[in-house]
Protein backbone atom coordinates (compact mmCIF):
# COMPACT_ATOMS: atom_id res chain seq x y z
CA MET A 1 123.83 21.89 153.44
CA VAL A 2 123.86 24.70 150.92
CA PHE A 3 123.80 28.47 151.37
CA SER A 4 120.50 28.74 149.53
CA SER A 5 118.53 26.68 152.02
CA LEU A 6 116.21 27.79 154.79
CA ILE A 7 118.07 25.80 157.44
CA PHE A 8 121.29 27.61 156.55
CA LEU A 9 119.70 31.04 156.29
CA TYR A 10 117.64 30.95 159.45
CA LEU A 11 119.49 28.53 161.72
CA PHE A 12 123.11 27.73 160.84
CA LEU A 13 124.34 31.20 159.82
CA PRO A 14 122.54 33.20 162.56
CA VAL A 15 123.74 30.83 165.30
CA CYS A 16 127.28 30.95 163.90
CA LEU A 17 127.26 34.75 163.76
CA LEU A 18 125.84 34.94 167.29
CA CYS A 19 128.50 32.63 168.74
CA TYR A 20 131.18 34.44 166.76
CA GLY A 21 130.02 37.86 167.97
CA LEU A 22 129.84 36.73 171.61
CA SER A 23 133.39 35.33 171.54
CA SER A 24 135.69 37.55 173.55
CA SER A 25 138.99 36.86 171.79
CA LEU A 26 140.21 36.21 168.26
CA ALA A 27 141.35 32.72 169.28
CA TRP A 28 137.78 31.86 170.29
CA LYS A 29 136.40 33.46 167.13
CA ASN A 30 138.70 31.29 165.02
CA THR A 31 137.69 28.22 167.02
CA ILE A 32 134.00 28.98 166.47
CA LEU A 33 134.62 29.32 162.71
CA VAL A 34 136.47 25.99 162.58
CA ILE A 35 133.77 24.16 164.55
CA PHE A 36 130.95 25.51 162.40
CA SER A 37 132.94 24.89 159.22
CA LEU A 38 133.43 21.22 160.13
CA ILE A 39 129.74 20.88 161.01
CA PHE A 40 128.85 22.49 157.67
CA TYR A 41 131.03 20.06 155.71
CA ALA A 42 130.04 17.00 157.73
CA TRP A 43 126.36 17.85 157.14
CA GLY A 44 126.72 16.79 153.52
CA GLU A 45 129.84 14.63 153.71
CA PRO A 46 129.94 12.85 157.11
CA ILE A 47 132.52 10.30 155.92
CA TYR A 48 134.71 12.61 153.86
CA ILE A 49 135.21 14.97 156.79
CA PHE A 50 138.02 12.58 157.77
CA LEU A 51 139.54 12.94 154.30
CA LEU A 52 139.49 16.72 154.70
CA LEU A 53 141.03 16.60 158.17
CA GLY A 54 143.66 14.06 157.11
CA SER A 55 144.60 16.18 154.12
CA VAL A 56 144.92 19.28 156.32
CA ILE A 57 147.18 17.52 158.85
CA ILE A 58 149.44 15.91 156.23
CA ASN A 59 149.84 19.15 154.26
CA TYR A 60 150.46 21.08 157.48
CA LEU A 61 153.35 18.69 158.14
CA PHE A 62 154.58 19.11 154.56
CA GLY A 63 154.62 22.86 155.13
CA LEU A 64 156.57 22.55 158.39
CA ALA A 65 159.10 20.19 156.81
CA MET A 66 159.54 22.41 153.77
CA GLY A 67 159.92 25.49 155.93
CA LYS A 68 162.54 23.77 158.10
CA CYS A 69 164.54 22.81 155.01
CA LYS A 70 164.34 26.40 153.83
CA ASP A 71 165.64 27.65 157.18
CA GLN A 72 168.60 25.28 156.93
CA LYS A 73 169.28 26.23 153.28
CA GLN A 74 168.54 22.68 152.19
CA GLU A 75 166.94 23.43 148.84
CA LYS A 76 167.04 19.81 147.71
CA GLY A 77 165.12 18.74 150.80
CA ALA A 78 162.52 21.48 150.29
CA LYS A 79 162.16 20.42 146.65
CA ALA A 80 161.72 16.78 147.66
CA PHE A 81 158.92 17.68 150.10
CA MET A 82 157.31 19.88 147.45
CA ILE A 83 157.29 16.98 145.00
CA LEU A 84 155.84 14.65 147.63
CA ALA A 85 153.14 17.21 148.43
CA LEU A 86 152.24 17.53 144.74
CA LEU A 87 152.08 13.76 144.32
CA PHE A 88 149.93 13.37 147.42
CA ASN A 89 147.44 16.14 146.66
CA LEU A 90 147.12 15.60 142.92
CA GLY A 91 147.07 11.85 143.48
CA LEU A 92 144.21 12.19 145.97
CA LEU A 93 142.29 14.41 143.57
CA GLY A 94 143.02 12.02 140.72
CA ILE A 95 141.79 8.95 142.59
CA PHE A 96 138.46 10.44 143.58
CA LYS A 97 137.77 12.56 140.51
CA TYR A 98 139.48 10.93 137.54
CA SER A 99 140.08 7.24 138.24
CA GLY A 100 136.72 6.16 136.80
CA PHE A 101 137.21 8.30 133.70
CA LEU A 102 140.71 6.90 133.17
CA VAL A 103 139.63 3.28 133.51
CA GLU A 104 136.64 3.79 131.20
CA ASN A 105 138.97 5.07 128.49
CA LEU A 106 141.53 2.31 129.06
CA ASN A 107 138.74 -0.22 128.60
CA LEU A 108 138.25 1.07 125.07
CA LEU A 109 141.60 -0.46 124.17
CA PRO A 110 141.73 -4.07 122.91
CA PHE A 111 142.19 -6.82 125.49
CA ILE A 112 141.66 -4.46 128.45
CA SER A 113 138.68 -4.93 130.74
CA LEU A 114 139.19 -3.37 134.13
CA PRO A 115 136.51 -2.83 136.78
CA VAL A 116 135.47 0.81 136.78
CA PRO A 117 135.83 2.36 140.25
CA SER A 118 132.72 4.06 141.54
CA LEU A 119 133.86 6.61 144.09
CA ARG A 120 131.64 9.41 145.27
CA LEU A 121 133.33 12.74 144.63
CA PRO A 122 133.98 14.56 147.93
CA ILE A 123 132.30 17.97 147.84
CA GLY A 124 134.76 20.79 147.28
CA ILE A 125 137.85 18.61 146.83
CA SER A 126 138.92 20.51 143.69
CA PHE A 127 138.72 23.83 145.54
CA TYR A 128 140.41 22.93 148.80
CA THR A 129 143.12 20.93 147.01
CA PHE A 130 144.04 24.00 144.97
CA GLN A 131 144.02 26.18 148.09
CA ILE A 132 146.43 23.78 149.76
CA LEU A 133 148.66 23.75 146.67
CA SER A 134 148.71 27.54 146.46
CA TYR A 135 149.98 27.69 150.06
CA LEU A 136 152.65 25.03 149.55
CA ILE A 137 153.90 26.40 146.23
CA ASP A 138 154.05 29.96 147.58
CA LEU A 139 155.91 28.62 150.60
CA TYR A 140 158.37 26.82 148.32
CA TRP A 141 158.84 30.05 146.32
CA ASP A 142 159.39 32.04 149.55
CA LYS A 143 156.29 34.17 148.94
CA VAL A 144 154.69 33.32 152.30
CA GLU A 145 155.85 32.24 155.74
CA ARG A 146 155.02 28.73 156.89
CA GLN A 147 152.00 28.46 159.17
CA ARG A 148 153.11 26.91 162.47
CA ASN A 149 149.64 26.93 164.04
CA LEU A 150 147.64 23.87 162.97
CA GLY A 151 144.39 25.56 164.01
CA HIS A 152 145.10 28.55 161.77
CA PHE A 153 145.93 26.27 158.84
CA LEU A 154 142.76 24.27 159.43
CA LEU A 155 140.75 27.51 159.47
CA TYR A 156 142.28 28.59 156.15
CA ILE A 157 141.36 25.33 154.41
CA SER A 158 138.02 24.56 156.06
CA MET A 159 136.39 28.00 156.31
CA PHE A 160 132.81 27.22 155.26
CA PRO A 161 132.05 30.34 153.13
CA GLN A 162 134.50 29.16 150.44
CA LEU A 163 135.06 25.51 151.34
CA VAL A 164 132.84 23.59 148.93
CA ALA A 165 132.53 25.76 145.81
CA GLY A 166 135.14 28.50 145.99
CA PRO A 167 136.33 31.00 145.16
CA ILE A 168 139.88 29.63 145.41
CA VAL A 169 141.31 31.81 148.19
CA ARG A 170 145.09 32.15 148.26
CA TYR A 171 146.76 31.81 151.65
CA SER A 172 148.60 35.09 150.99
CA THR A 173 145.23 36.86 150.65
CA ILE A 174 144.02 36.12 154.19
CA ALA A 175 147.17 35.06 156.08
CA ALA A 176 147.35 38.28 158.06
CA GLU A 177 143.61 38.31 158.78
CA ILE A 178 143.69 34.82 160.30
CA GLY A 179 145.83 36.20 163.11
CA SER A 180 144.50 39.77 163.31
CA ARG A 181 141.23 41.23 162.05
CA LYS A 182 138.31 43.42 163.05
CA VAL A 183 134.76 43.60 161.74
CA THR A 184 133.34 47.10 161.34
CA MET A 185 129.62 47.76 161.09
CA THR A 186 130.12 49.20 157.60
CA GLU A 187 131.82 46.03 156.35
CA PHE A 188 129.33 43.79 158.14
CA SER A 189 126.49 45.68 156.43
CA SER A 190 128.29 45.39 153.07
CA GLY A 191 128.70 41.68 153.70
CA ILE A 192 124.96 41.25 154.29
CA SER A 193 124.14 43.14 151.09
CA ARG A 194 126.60 41.08 149.08
CA PHE A 195 125.26 37.83 150.55
CA VAL A 196 121.64 38.73 149.81
CA LEU A 197 122.55 39.75 146.25
CA GLY A 198 124.20 36.37 145.70
CA LEU A 199 121.23 34.55 147.21
CA ALA A 200 118.87 36.36 144.84
CA LYS A 201 121.06 35.54 141.84
CA LYS A 202 120.86 31.87 142.72
CA VAL A 203 117.25 31.49 143.87
CA ILE A 204 115.38 34.05 141.79
CA LEU A 205 117.39 33.93 138.56
CA SER A 206 119.52 30.79 138.19
CA ASN A 207 117.01 28.28 139.57
CA HIS A 208 114.26 29.56 137.26
CA LEU A 209 116.51 29.85 134.22
CA SER A 210 117.40 26.18 134.75
CA VAL A 211 113.74 25.27 134.11
CA ILE A 212 113.92 26.82 130.64
CA VAL A 213 117.17 25.01 129.89
CA ALA A 214 115.67 21.68 130.97
CA ASP A 215 112.64 22.27 128.75
CA PHE A 216 114.81 22.63 125.65
CA PHE A 217 117.91 20.51 126.33
CA GLY A 218 116.33 17.88 128.57
CA GLY A 219 114.21 16.30 125.86
CA ASP A 220 114.65 15.17 122.26
CA LEU A 221 117.38 17.41 120.83
CA SER A 222 116.47 16.47 117.28
CA GLN A 223 113.24 18.45 117.71
CA LEU A 224 115.04 21.71 118.46
CA THR A 225 114.87 24.58 115.99
CA VAL A 226 117.88 26.72 115.12
CA LEU A 227 116.75 29.75 117.12
CA GLY A 228 115.49 27.48 119.91
CA THR A 229 118.99 26.00 120.26
CA TRP A 230 120.64 29.43 120.39
CA TYR A 231 118.00 30.62 122.85
CA ALA A 232 118.51 27.65 125.17
CA VAL A 233 122.29 27.91 125.23
CA ALA A 234 122.09 31.66 125.90
CA VAL A 235 119.76 30.99 128.82
CA TYR A 236 122.13 28.27 130.06
CA ALA A 237 125.07 30.70 129.94
CA MET A 238 123.16 33.10 132.19
CA GLN A 239 122.08 30.23 134.46
CA VAL A 240 125.69 29.17 135.08
CA TYR A 241 126.79 32.77 135.55
CA PHE A 242 124.14 33.60 138.15
CA ASP A 243 124.65 30.25 139.88
CA PHE A 244 128.38 30.51 140.33
CA SER A 245 128.71 34.28 140.67
CA GLY A 246 125.83 34.09 143.16
CA TYR A 247 127.75 31.55 145.23
CA SER A 248 130.89 33.70 145.02
CA ASP A 249 128.94 36.77 146.13
CA MET A 250 127.57 34.86 149.12
CA ALA A 251 131.06 33.60 150.03
CA ILE A 252 132.60 37.08 149.73
CA GLY A 253 129.73 38.56 151.73
CA MET A 254 130.10 36.06 154.56
CA GLY A 255 133.84 36.63 154.51
CA LEU A 256 133.21 40.32 155.20
CA MET A 257 130.85 39.41 158.06
CA PHE A 258 133.73 37.51 159.69
CA GLY A 259 136.42 40.07 158.85
CA PHE A 260 137.98 38.39 155.81
CA HIS A 261 138.47 40.01 152.42
CA PHE A 262 138.31 37.50 149.58
CA ASP A 263 139.27 38.54 146.07
CA GLU A 264 136.61 39.11 143.43
CA ASN A 265 135.75 36.07 141.32
CA PHE A 266 133.47 37.57 138.64
CA ARG A 267 133.44 41.01 137.03
CA HIS A 268 130.45 41.04 134.69
CA PRO A 269 132.05 38.68 132.13
CA PHE A 270 129.42 39.07 129.41
CA LEU A 271 130.52 42.69 128.93
CA CYS A 272 133.80 41.43 127.48
CA LYS A 273 134.97 42.50 124.02
CA ASP A 274 137.08 39.41 123.32
CA ILE A 275 137.78 35.98 124.77
CA SER A 276 140.92 37.04 126.62
CA GLU A 277 138.91 39.68 128.45
CA PHE A 278 136.15 37.16 129.17
CA TRP A 279 138.59 35.00 131.09
CA GLN A 280 139.90 38.02 132.96
CA ARG A 281 136.34 38.50 134.22
CA TRP A 282 135.07 34.89 134.60
CA HIS A 283 136.10 32.59 137.50
CA ILE A 284 139.08 34.84 138.18
CA SER A 285 140.44 32.77 141.07
CA LEU A 286 140.81 29.67 138.88
CA GLY A 287 142.27 31.57 135.93
CA THR A 288 144.89 33.33 138.06
CA PHE A 289 145.74 30.03 139.80
CA PHE A 290 146.63 28.34 136.51
CA ARG A 291 148.35 31.48 135.21
CA ASP A 292 150.58 31.82 138.26
CA TYR A 293 151.37 28.16 138.91
CA LEU A 294 151.15 26.39 135.54
CA LEU A 295 151.54 28.77 132.59
CA TYR A 296 155.30 29.21 132.96
CA MET A 297 156.05 25.64 133.96
CA PRO A 298 159.06 24.26 132.02
CA ILE A 299 157.95 21.79 129.33
CA PHE A 300 160.71 19.41 128.21
CA GLY A 301 163.23 21.55 130.09
CA LYS A 302 162.16 24.96 128.74
CA ARG A 303 159.45 27.51 129.28
CA ARG A 304 157.34 27.29 126.16
CA LYS A 305 154.87 30.13 125.64
CA TYR A 306 152.26 28.32 123.60
CA GLY A 307 152.93 24.90 125.10
CA GLY A 308 152.21 26.38 128.52
CA LEU A 309 149.10 28.07 127.16
CA PHE A 310 147.53 24.84 125.92
CA LEU A 311 148.60 22.98 129.06
CA VAL A 312 146.71 25.60 131.09
CA TRP A 313 143.56 25.25 129.00
CA PHE A 314 143.73 21.46 128.97
CA CYS A 315 143.93 21.51 132.77
CA THR A 316 141.20 24.17 133.02
CA GLY A 317 138.86 21.88 131.13
CA LEU A 318 139.90 18.76 133.02
CA TRP A 319 139.51 20.53 136.38
CA HIS A 320 135.83 21.08 135.65
CA GLY A 321 135.04 17.42 135.25
CA ALA A 322 136.16 13.92 134.26
CA SER A 323 134.58 13.99 130.82
CA TRP A 324 135.82 14.60 127.29
CA ASN A 325 133.47 17.51 126.73
CA PHE A 326 135.18 19.49 129.51
CA ILE A 327 138.60 18.83 127.97
CA LEU A 328 137.26 19.93 124.57
CA TRP A 329 135.71 22.99 126.25
CA GLY A 330 139.05 24.02 127.76
CA LEU A 331 141.01 23.49 124.54
CA TYR A 332 138.29 25.27 122.56
CA PHE A 333 138.82 28.46 124.58
CA GLY A 334 142.58 27.90 124.47
CA ILE A 335 142.49 28.03 120.67
CA PHE A 336 140.77 31.43 120.68
CA ILE A 337 143.16 32.78 123.33
CA PHE A 338 146.02 31.55 121.13
CA ILE A 339 144.54 33.26 118.04
CA GLU A 340 144.07 36.54 119.92
CA GLN A 341 147.64 36.41 121.22
CA CYS A 342 148.91 35.86 117.68
CA ILE A 343 146.88 38.87 116.45
CA GLY A 344 148.12 41.00 119.34
CA LYS A 345 146.32 43.42 121.68
CA LYS A 346 146.91 46.51 119.51
CA LYS A 347 145.46 44.92 116.37
CA MET A 348 142.54 43.47 118.35
CA ARG A 349 141.64 46.98 119.54
CA LYS A 350 141.53 48.21 115.94
CA ILE A 351 138.74 45.75 115.09
CA PRO A 352 135.33 47.51 115.21
CA LEU A 353 133.79 47.21 118.67
CA LEU A 354 130.48 45.83 117.41
CA PHE A 355 132.24 43.00 115.58
CA ARG A 356 134.35 42.18 118.66
CA HIS A 357 131.23 41.95 120.82
CA LEU A 358 129.43 39.74 118.30
CA TYR A 359 132.46 37.50 117.87
CA SER A 360 133.05 37.08 121.60
CA LYS A 361 129.40 36.32 122.41
CA LEU A 362 129.19 33.78 119.59
CA VAL A 363 132.30 31.97 120.83
CA ILE A 364 131.13 32.09 124.45
CA LEU A 365 127.67 30.67 123.69
CA ILE A 366 129.07 27.78 121.65
CA GLY A 367 131.48 27.16 124.51
CA PHE A 368 128.62 26.84 126.99
CA GLY A 369 127.03 24.27 124.70
CA ILE A 370 130.22 22.21 124.85
CA PHE A 371 130.19 22.65 128.63
CA TYR A 372 126.59 21.42 128.97
CA PHE A 373 126.62 18.21 126.93
CA GLU A 374 128.77 15.53 128.54
CA SER A 375 127.50 13.05 125.94
CA LEU A 376 129.54 13.58 122.76
CA SER A 377 126.70 12.21 120.64
CA LYS A 378 124.32 14.83 122.07
CA LEU A 379 127.00 17.48 121.63
CA LEU A 380 127.18 16.60 117.93
CA ILE A 381 123.40 16.97 117.62
CA PHE A 382 123.67 20.34 119.38
CA PHE A 383 126.20 21.55 116.80
CA ARG A 384 124.02 20.36 113.95
CA ARG A 385 120.95 22.15 115.33
CA LEU A 386 122.94 25.38 115.79
CA ILE A 387 123.54 25.65 112.04
CA GLY A 388 120.28 24.13 110.87
CA LEU A 389 121.42 20.77 109.55
CA ASP A 390 119.11 17.75 109.23
CA GLY A 391 116.26 19.97 108.08
CA ALA A 392 116.00 21.92 111.34
CA ALA A 393 113.36 24.65 111.21
CA LEU A 394 114.37 28.21 111.98
CA THR A 395 111.82 28.65 114.78
CA ASP A 396 108.53 27.33 116.12
CA GLN A 397 105.64 28.23 118.41
CA TYR A 398 107.25 26.51 121.41
CA LEU A 399 110.15 28.98 121.35
CA LEU A 400 107.82 31.97 121.07
CA LEU A 401 105.66 30.61 123.90
CA SER A 402 108.69 30.14 126.13
CA ILE A 403 109.88 33.70 125.51
CA ARG A 404 106.40 35.09 126.16
CA ASN A 405 105.94 33.08 129.39
CA HIS A 406 109.36 34.00 130.76
CA ILE A 407 109.80 37.49 129.33
CA TRP A 408 110.19 39.25 132.73
CA LEU A 409 112.66 36.64 133.98
CA LEU A 410 114.70 36.94 130.77
CA LEU A 411 114.72 40.75 130.91
CA ALA A 412 115.76 40.71 134.56
CA ALA A 413 118.55 38.23 133.80
CA VAL A 414 119.92 40.31 130.92
CA ILE A 415 119.77 43.53 132.95
CA CYS A 416 121.54 41.88 135.89
CA CYS A 417 124.45 40.94 133.64
CA PHE A 418 125.34 44.64 133.77
CA PRO A 419 126.94 46.35 136.81
CA ILE A 420 123.66 47.83 138.05
CA ALA A 421 124.63 47.78 141.74
CA GLU A 422 127.93 49.51 141.03
CA TRP A 423 126.21 52.25 139.05
CA PHE A 424 123.78 52.97 141.87
CA LYS A 425 126.63 52.93 144.39
CA LYS A 426 128.51 55.56 142.40
CA LEU A 427 125.41 57.73 142.35
CA GLY A 428 125.08 57.27 146.11
CA ASN A 429 128.65 58.43 146.72
CA ARG A 430 128.15 61.79 145.01
CA SER A 431 126.93 63.56 148.17
CA VAL A 432 125.94 62.97 151.77
CA GLY A 433 122.25 63.22 150.92
CA SER A 434 122.48 60.76 148.05
CA ALA A 435 124.42 58.37 150.30
CA TYR A 436 121.52 58.31 152.79
CA VAL A 437 119.06 57.66 149.95
CA PHE A 438 121.27 54.89 148.55
CA ASN A 439 121.63 53.21 151.96
CA ALA A 440 117.88 53.35 152.53
CA LEU A 441 117.14 51.88 149.09
CA GLN A 442 119.77 49.20 149.64
CA THR A 443 118.17 48.18 152.93
CA VAL A 444 114.74 47.96 151.30
CA CYS A 445 116.16 45.94 148.40
CA ASN A 446 117.90 43.55 150.82
CA VAL A 447 114.69 42.94 152.73
CA VAL A 448 112.65 42.40 149.55
CA LEU A 449 115.21 40.10 147.91
CA LEU A 450 115.62 38.06 151.10
CA ALA A 451 111.86 37.74 151.52
CA VAL A 452 111.27 36.73 147.89
CA SER A 453 114.17 34.25 147.97
CA SER A 454 112.91 32.73 151.23
CA ILE A 455 109.40 32.29 149.85
CA LEU A 456 110.75 30.62 146.71
CA LEU A 457 112.89 28.28 148.81
CA VAL A 458 109.89 26.93 150.74
CA ASP A 459 108.85 24.64 147.89
CA ALA A 460 112.20 24.46 146.08
CA THR A 461 113.04 20.99 144.77
CA ASN A 462 116.04 21.78 142.54
CA ASN A 463 118.49 23.96 144.40
CA PRO A 464 122.08 22.62 144.36
CA PHE A 465 124.91 24.85 143.14
CA LEU A 466 126.32 23.67 139.82
CA TYR A 467 129.93 23.97 140.98
CA PHE A 468 129.40 21.54 143.86
CA ARG A 469 130.15 18.74 141.37
CA PHE A 470 133.50 20.23 140.43
């Protein structure tokens, strides 16, 4: 089941909200959320629901054991349980996500021929594994109290708005709200608006941008023109942005409907002026996770600034998928972050703004090309078409026809990369009268966007979120 499906929009979510609203106590509300979250996950992964539950129980016990050692000042015991927890969680993720990739690469060596495991990747395992690790590491660092209530811990890990595709919600972010929260009408209304906005990003923009990408990158790459290649990768960048930021908006919106406040995951990343700023705006929950838990990790006994930097970007790439292109993608951005750190923030600001924007967008678009092509041979062709090698033409009629046929979609996508909603909200907050006008317009927009999205979903055949596979 996905958020952008009619069964979720008009059956699962309304029934869940109704049961939640009719519950008389917070304990019952939490129970309702857990039940519906497990149904949601089991809908798509009926077998792997046991993997999720087993992981929750085992890590709950790790947390209790670690907390007990902390109470008794047994730091060595707490460290031992922390190591065991890391081995268990990363080992589980490694088996399901990376074992096939590892064996395939080992088989490239002489005299090695191992059977390649074919395990189906459990939906959301990368996200809920990192949520578990954030809780355990913060507990080990004395940043949070251990959760003694198994039901509360299960709710934190399994909550369906962010279970299968993020954002990565830290335990410290919602720990207090698990045990005490209220939903106001203002926040509930804001949650609906945020959810509908995310739905529209996915259904109206991302799904239709994916058709353009498939037209250009899904066929014979050797037939692409130079401008056609740049056009397709720019469209793909917007497709991924609206897909994942749309999911994050829907998750944050549903969180508000249930009284939870998740952190922002995207802040209009294409407005960035350099690559460092891009990653402060893009997939924020993943970037801050690696920054806080991996960047300052001792390497060979010491904290190494640049060693930690490249370890972070290697892991960022590897997290996205068991394929060499994702590793190259992570290291590619790591190199530019490294260059910008060597230049320094003050000197970067002295570079003309136009040049910084052009440089950052060029790097970002090439990065999305690396992200798209899992086949290294196709990736090489992509690079060659970008710069016009092999006699590639500059443009052709097919590109012009595509732009003409999709001009309104492309304009809408570009405009929506800007903080339009925030600008209107600021205008609405200027006076009481403007606030009424803004609220009325917002209601109308919500109804229109929901109606259009619902109509488009009736015959939708290609609707999965891209980050489900991560």
